[in-house]
Protein backbone atom coordinates (compact mmCIF):
# COMPACT_ATOMS: atom_id res chain seq x y z
CA MET A 1 -26.19 -33.34 -11.05
CA ASP A 2 -24.58 -35.58 -13.65
CA LYS A 3 -21.44 -36.99 -12.05
CA HIS A 4 -19.70 -36.84 -15.44
CA ILE A 5 -20.03 -33.05 -15.69
CA LYS A 6 -16.60 -31.55 -15.11
CA LYS A 7 -16.43 -29.04 -12.27
CA LYS A 8 -15.38 -25.58 -13.41
CA THR A 9 -11.92 -24.73 -12.10
CA LEU A 10 -9.40 -21.94 -12.53
CA GLU A 11 -6.02 -23.01 -13.92
CA THR A 12 -4.24 -19.76 -13.14
CA TYR A 13 -3.53 -17.70 -10.01
CA LEU A 14 -2.03 -20.60 -8.12
CA SER A 15 -0.07 -20.25 -4.87
CA LEU A 16 3.20 -18.70 -6.14
CA CYS A 17 1.37 -16.43 -8.58
CA THR A 18 -0.78 -15.18 -5.71
CA GLU A 19 2.30 -14.48 -3.59
CA VAL A 20 3.97 -12.53 -6.40
CA TYR A 21 0.71 -10.66 -6.96
CA ASP A 22 0.81 -9.34 -3.39
CA LEU A 23 4.59 -8.85 -3.32
CA SER A 24 4.52 -6.80 -6.52
CA LYS A 25 1.26 -4.98 -5.80
CA PRO A 26 0.82 -4.70 -2.02
CA ASN A 27 -1.36 -1.62 -2.44
CA PRO A 28 -3.59 -0.29 -5.21
CA PRO A 29 -2.03 2.37 -7.45
CA GLU A 30 -2.90 5.76 -5.96
CA ASP A 31 -4.45 7.15 -9.14
CA ALA A 32 -6.56 4.05 -9.77
CA TYR A 33 -7.74 3.87 -6.16
CA ALA A 34 -8.68 7.56 -6.11
CA PHE A 35 -10.57 7.08 -9.38
CA TYR A 36 -12.69 4.14 -8.19
CA ARG A 37 -13.09 5.66 -4.72
CA ASP A 38 -14.61 8.77 -6.30
CA TYR A 39 -17.29 6.63 -7.93
CA ALA A 40 -17.80 4.77 -4.66
CA MET A 41 -18.37 8.06 -2.85
CA ASN A 42 -21.23 8.82 -5.24
CA SER A 43 -22.74 5.34 -5.32
CA ASN A 44 -24.70 5.51 -2.06
CA ALA A 45 -23.75 1.81 -1.64
CA PRO A 46 -23.81 -1.11 -2.09
CA ILE A 47 -20.80 -1.82 -4.33
CA LEU A 48 -19.60 -5.05 -5.97
CA GLU A 49 -16.10 -5.96 -7.12
CA PRO A 50 -16.07 -9.12 -9.24
CA MET A 51 -12.64 -10.75 -9.71
CA CYS A 52 -11.50 -9.01 -6.51
CA GLY A 53 -8.30 -11.07 -6.16
CA THR A 54 -6.55 -10.66 -2.83
CA GLY A 55 -8.58 -7.57 -1.97
CA ARG A 56 -6.14 -4.92 -3.19
CA PHE A 57 -9.02 -2.49 -3.83
CA LEU A 58 -11.79 -4.11 -1.80
CA LEU A 59 -10.09 -4.11 1.60
CA PRO A 60 -9.02 -0.43 1.62
CA LEU A 61 -12.55 0.55 0.54
CA LEU A 62 -13.98 -1.62 3.31
CA GLU A 63 -11.59 -0.03 5.81
CA GLU A 64 -12.95 3.36 4.82
CA GLY A 65 -16.48 2.21 5.59
CA PHE A 66 -17.81 1.49 2.11
CA ASP A 67 -20.36 -1.32 1.76
CA VAL A 68 -18.42 -3.35 -0.79
CA HIS A 69 -18.85 -7.04 -1.65
CA GLY A 70 -16.58 -9.17 -3.82
CA PHE A 71 -15.87 -12.56 -5.31
CA ASP A 72 -13.12 -14.38 -7.16
CA ALA A 73 -12.63 -17.77 -8.81
CA SER A 74 -9.20 -18.41 -7.26
CA ASP A 75 -9.02 -20.25 -3.93
CA ASN A 76 -5.47 -18.96 -3.44
CA MET A 77 -6.48 -15.35 -4.00
CA LEU A 78 -9.42 -15.60 -1.61
CA LYS A 79 -7.27 -17.28 1.04
CA ALA A 80 -4.78 -14.40 0.84
CA LEU A 81 -7.66 -11.90 1.03
CA HIS A 82 -8.98 -13.48 4.22
CA VAL A 83 -5.52 -13.50 5.83
CA LYS A 84 -5.12 -9.78 5.13
CA ALA A 85 -8.69 -9.04 6.26
CA GLU A 86 -8.12 -10.85 9.56
CA ALA A 87 -4.96 -8.84 10.18
CA LYS A 88 -7.04 -5.67 9.76
CA ASN A 89 -9.98 -7.02 11.82
CA LEU A 90 -12.21 -6.78 8.77
CA LYS A 91 -15.04 -9.17 7.92
CA PRO A 92 -15.61 -8.78 4.19
CA LEU A 93 -18.59 -10.27 2.37
CA VAL A 94 -16.73 -12.23 -0.30
CA TRP A 95 -17.33 -15.57 -1.99
CA LYS A 96 -15.88 -17.90 -4.60
CA GLY A 97 -17.38 -17.75 -8.07
CA PHE A 98 -17.02 -16.99 -11.76
CA VAL A 99 -18.48 -13.78 -13.18
CA GLU A 100 -20.75 -15.53 -15.67
CA ASP A 101 -22.32 -17.52 -12.81
CA LEU A 102 -23.17 -14.49 -10.66
CA LYS A 103 -26.60 -14.87 -9.08
CA ARG A 104 -27.23 -12.74 -6.02
CA PRO A 105 -30.35 -11.21 -4.48
CA GLU A 106 -28.62 -7.83 -4.12
CA LYS A 107 -28.70 -5.03 -6.66
CA TYR A 108 -25.71 -2.71 -6.80
CA ASN A 109 -25.24 0.97 -7.58
CA LEU A 110 -21.61 0.41 -8.61
CA ILE A 111 -19.89 -2.67 -10.03
CA PHE A 112 -16.22 -2.25 -10.89
CA ILE A 113 -13.46 -4.49 -12.24
CA PRO A 114 -10.03 -2.80 -12.08
CA SER A 115 -6.64 -3.78 -13.53
CA GLY A 116 -7.98 -5.24 -16.79
CA SER A 117 -9.21 -8.40 -15.08
CA LEU A 118 -12.38 -8.64 -17.17
CA CYS A 119 -10.20 -9.33 -20.21
CA LEU A 120 -9.02 -12.58 -18.58
CA ILE A 121 -12.36 -14.01 -19.75
CA ILE A 122 -11.47 -14.80 -23.36
CA ASP A 123 -14.38 -16.94 -24.57
CA LEU A 124 -16.85 -14.53 -26.20
CA VAL A 125 -19.90 -16.54 -25.07
CA GLN A 126 -18.70 -16.30 -21.46
CA VAL A 127 -17.88 -12.62 -21.90
CA GLU A 128 -21.41 -11.93 -23.12
CA LYS A 129 -22.88 -13.92 -20.21
CA SER A 130 -20.66 -12.01 -17.78
CA LEU A 131 -21.71 -8.61 -19.15
CA LYS A 132 -25.38 -9.65 -19.02
CA VAL A 133 -25.30 -10.78 -15.37
CA ILE A 134 -23.43 -7.63 -14.39
CA TYR A 135 -26.11 -5.55 -16.12
CA ASP A 136 -28.84 -7.54 -14.36
CA HIS A 137 -27.24 -6.97 -10.94
CA LEU A 138 -27.17 -3.18 -11.32
CA ASN A 139 -29.85 -0.88 -10.01
CA ASP A 140 -31.40 1.45 -12.57
CA GLY A 141 -28.92 4.28 -13.00
CA GLY A 142 -26.14 2.08 -11.61
CA ILE A 143 -22.65 2.18 -13.11
CA PHE A 144 -20.38 -0.60 -14.35
CA LEU A 145 -16.72 0.45 -14.54
CA PHE A 146 -13.89 -1.64 -15.94
CA GLU A 147 -10.48 -1.37 -17.55
CA ALA A 148 -9.43 -2.99 -20.81
CA GLU A 149 -5.84 -3.23 -22.00
CA THR A 150 -4.80 -2.09 -25.47
CA MET A 151 -2.12 -3.33 -27.87
CA GLN A 152 0.23 -0.82 -26.22
CA ALA A 153 0.24 -3.06 -23.12
CA VAL A 154 1.30 -6.22 -24.99
CA PRO A 155 4.93 -7.13 -24.21
CA GLN A 156 7.38 -7.68 -27.05
CA GLU A 157 7.06 -11.24 -28.35
CA GLY A 158 9.81 -13.81 -28.18
CA ILE A 159 11.74 -12.22 -25.32
CA TRP A 160 11.98 -13.80 -21.89
CA ARG A 161 11.48 -11.35 -19.04
CA GLY A 162 12.43 -12.10 -15.46
CA SER A 163 11.90 -10.73 -11.97
CA LEU A 164 12.91 -11.74 -8.45
CA TRP A 165 10.69 -11.37 -5.38
CA PRO A 166 12.24 -11.78 -1.90
CA LYS A 167 9.97 -13.09 0.88
CA THR A 168 10.21 -12.17 4.54
CA ASN A 169 11.24 -15.73 5.47
CA GLY A 170 14.38 -15.56 3.32
CA GLN A 171 12.94 -17.50 0.39
CA LYS A 172 12.75 -15.94 -3.07
CA ILE A 173 10.36 -16.36 -5.98
CA ILE A 174 11.78 -16.17 -9.51
CA LEU A 175 9.27 -15.26 -12.21
CA SER A 176 10.13 -15.86 -15.88
CA GLN A 177 7.63 -14.74 -18.57
CA LEU A 178 7.33 -15.13 -22.34
CA ALA A 179 4.56 -13.38 -24.28
CA THR A 180 3.02 -14.41 -27.59
CA MET A 181 0.19 -12.82 -29.56
CA GLN A 182 -2.30 -14.76 -31.69
CA ASN A 183 -5.25 -12.94 -33.22
CA ASP A 184 -6.59 -10.86 -30.31
CA ILE A 185 -5.29 -13.06 -27.47
CA CYS A 186 -2.05 -12.27 -25.65
CA THR A 187 -0.68 -15.36 -23.90
CA SER A 188 1.98 -15.06 -21.23
CA LEU A 189 3.79 -18.25 -20.27
CA CYS A 190 4.68 -17.71 -16.61
CA LYS A 191 7.14 -19.90 -14.72
CA TYR A 192 7.27 -19.37 -10.94
CA GLU A 193 10.17 -20.94 -9.02
CA LEU A 194 10.44 -20.92 -5.23
CA MET A 195 14.08 -20.76 -4.16
CA GLU A 196 15.46 -21.55 -0.71
CA ALA A 197 19.17 -21.61 0.19
CA GLY A 198 20.12 -21.63 -3.47
CA ASN A 199 17.81 -24.52 -4.41
CA ILE A 200 14.55 -24.55 -6.35
CA ILE A 201 12.07 -26.31 -4.06
CA HIS A 202 8.81 -25.73 -5.93
CA THR A 203 7.79 -24.75 -9.47
CA GLU A 204 4.46 -23.64 -10.95
CA ILE A 205 3.78 -22.94 -14.62
CA GLU A 206 0.75 -20.97 -15.80
CA GLU A 207 -0.51 -19.68 -19.13
CA LEU A 208 -2.19 -16.31 -18.61
CA ARG A 209 -4.41 -15.27 -21.51
CA VAL A 210 -5.73 -11.74 -22.00
CA LYS A 211 -8.16 -10.63 -24.70
CA ILE A 212 -7.26 -7.38 -26.46
CA TYR A 213 -10.37 -5.61 -27.77
CA GLU A 214 -11.03 -3.03 -30.40
CA GLN A 215 -13.10 -0.25 -28.82
CA ASP A 216 -15.96 -0.74 -31.30
CA GLN A 217 -16.19 -4.45 -30.48
CA LEU A 218 -16.60 -3.84 -26.76
CA MET A 219 -19.03 -0.99 -27.33
CA GLU A 220 -21.29 -3.23 -29.41
CA MET A 221 -21.20 -5.99 -26.78
CA LEU A 222 -22.07 -3.54 -24.01
CA LYS A 223 -24.95 -2.09 -26.03
CA ALA A 224 -26.21 -5.60 -26.80
CA VAL A 225 -26.73 -6.40 -23.10
CA GLY A 226 -28.64 -3.17 -22.53
CA PHE A 227 -26.20 -0.40 -21.63
CA LYS A 228 -27.29 2.81 -23.34
CA HIS A 229 -24.95 5.37 -21.77
CA ILE A 230 -21.32 4.37 -22.34
CA ARG A 231 -18.26 6.60 -22.03
CA ILE A 232 -14.66 5.72 -22.88
CA LEU A 233 -12.25 7.40 -20.45
CA LYS A 234 -8.54 7.83 -20.11
CA ALA A 235 -7.26 5.82 -17.15
CA PHE A 236 -7.78 7.30 -14.54
CA ASP A 237 -9.16 10.63 -15.60
CA LYS A 238 -12.90 11.26 -15.86
CA SER A 239 -12.39 14.42 -17.88
CA SER A 240 -10.16 13.07 -20.67
CA ALA A 241 -10.50 10.69 -23.59
CA PRO A 242 -7.86 7.99 -24.18
CA THR A 243 -5.09 8.37 -26.73
CA GLU A 244 -3.54 5.79 -29.04
CA GLN A 245 -0.53 5.58 -26.72
CA ASP A 246 -2.52 4.51 -23.65
CA GLU A 247 -1.95 0.97 -22.37
CA SER A 248 -5.43 0.75 -20.88
CA ILE A 249 -8.74 2.55 -21.13
CA VAL A 250 -11.74 2.69 -18.81
CA TYR A 251 -15.34 2.00 -19.83
CA GLU A 252 -18.05 3.76 -17.83
CA CYS A 253 -21.38 2.06 -18.49
CA ARG A 254 -24.60 3.34 -16.94
CA LYS A 255 -27.78 1.24 -16.76
């Protein structure tokens, strides 16, 4: 390999972000978990969760006995996943990787990406590559499920928002966020400050970018990689279509 080729790295989901992720979302939302679990029940295994983060969905599914694999591009997220898995005596099959680079021998009956994570891939070339490799890793008749956020989920621009997250060791993490919107990309400037005994002892700053799609745009991209049976669902209701007020919608894509 050319030594001048820059290694692909993730510039977000660093240590403090990962801690806040688990402090703010220790468990999956009940409606979302029930929704994905229902598909898992009908998948006859195996299942893949790309961008699995700290295992918020993956570990409970594994605990229930589902054959679920996962991967993520964040070292911090995967480290937190393994700590939680060890505490539960679980041995998940997970690895580090980017979606567009997925290359596994397995074929899956269900691939799902919850919480709008797919929209963190903002380069359209990489999005198309990601959709293609997901399609290629599905068995015939397999389902790809994912959420996409709408404009209703975009925070008001120009206003700083803050939150405080106490840790069990007495430290606190202060999160300050500022959102901006340019074209179809929502950028959140996130400042994480670790506080101990009234002093800031560590700071991390991240720019989190999320792509906001028009439904027609995503539909065309999904059709282009080969999906022929695509349904747009209200989150998290198989029997309902989304409304203009919904902050996220679910795409059900069958190979």
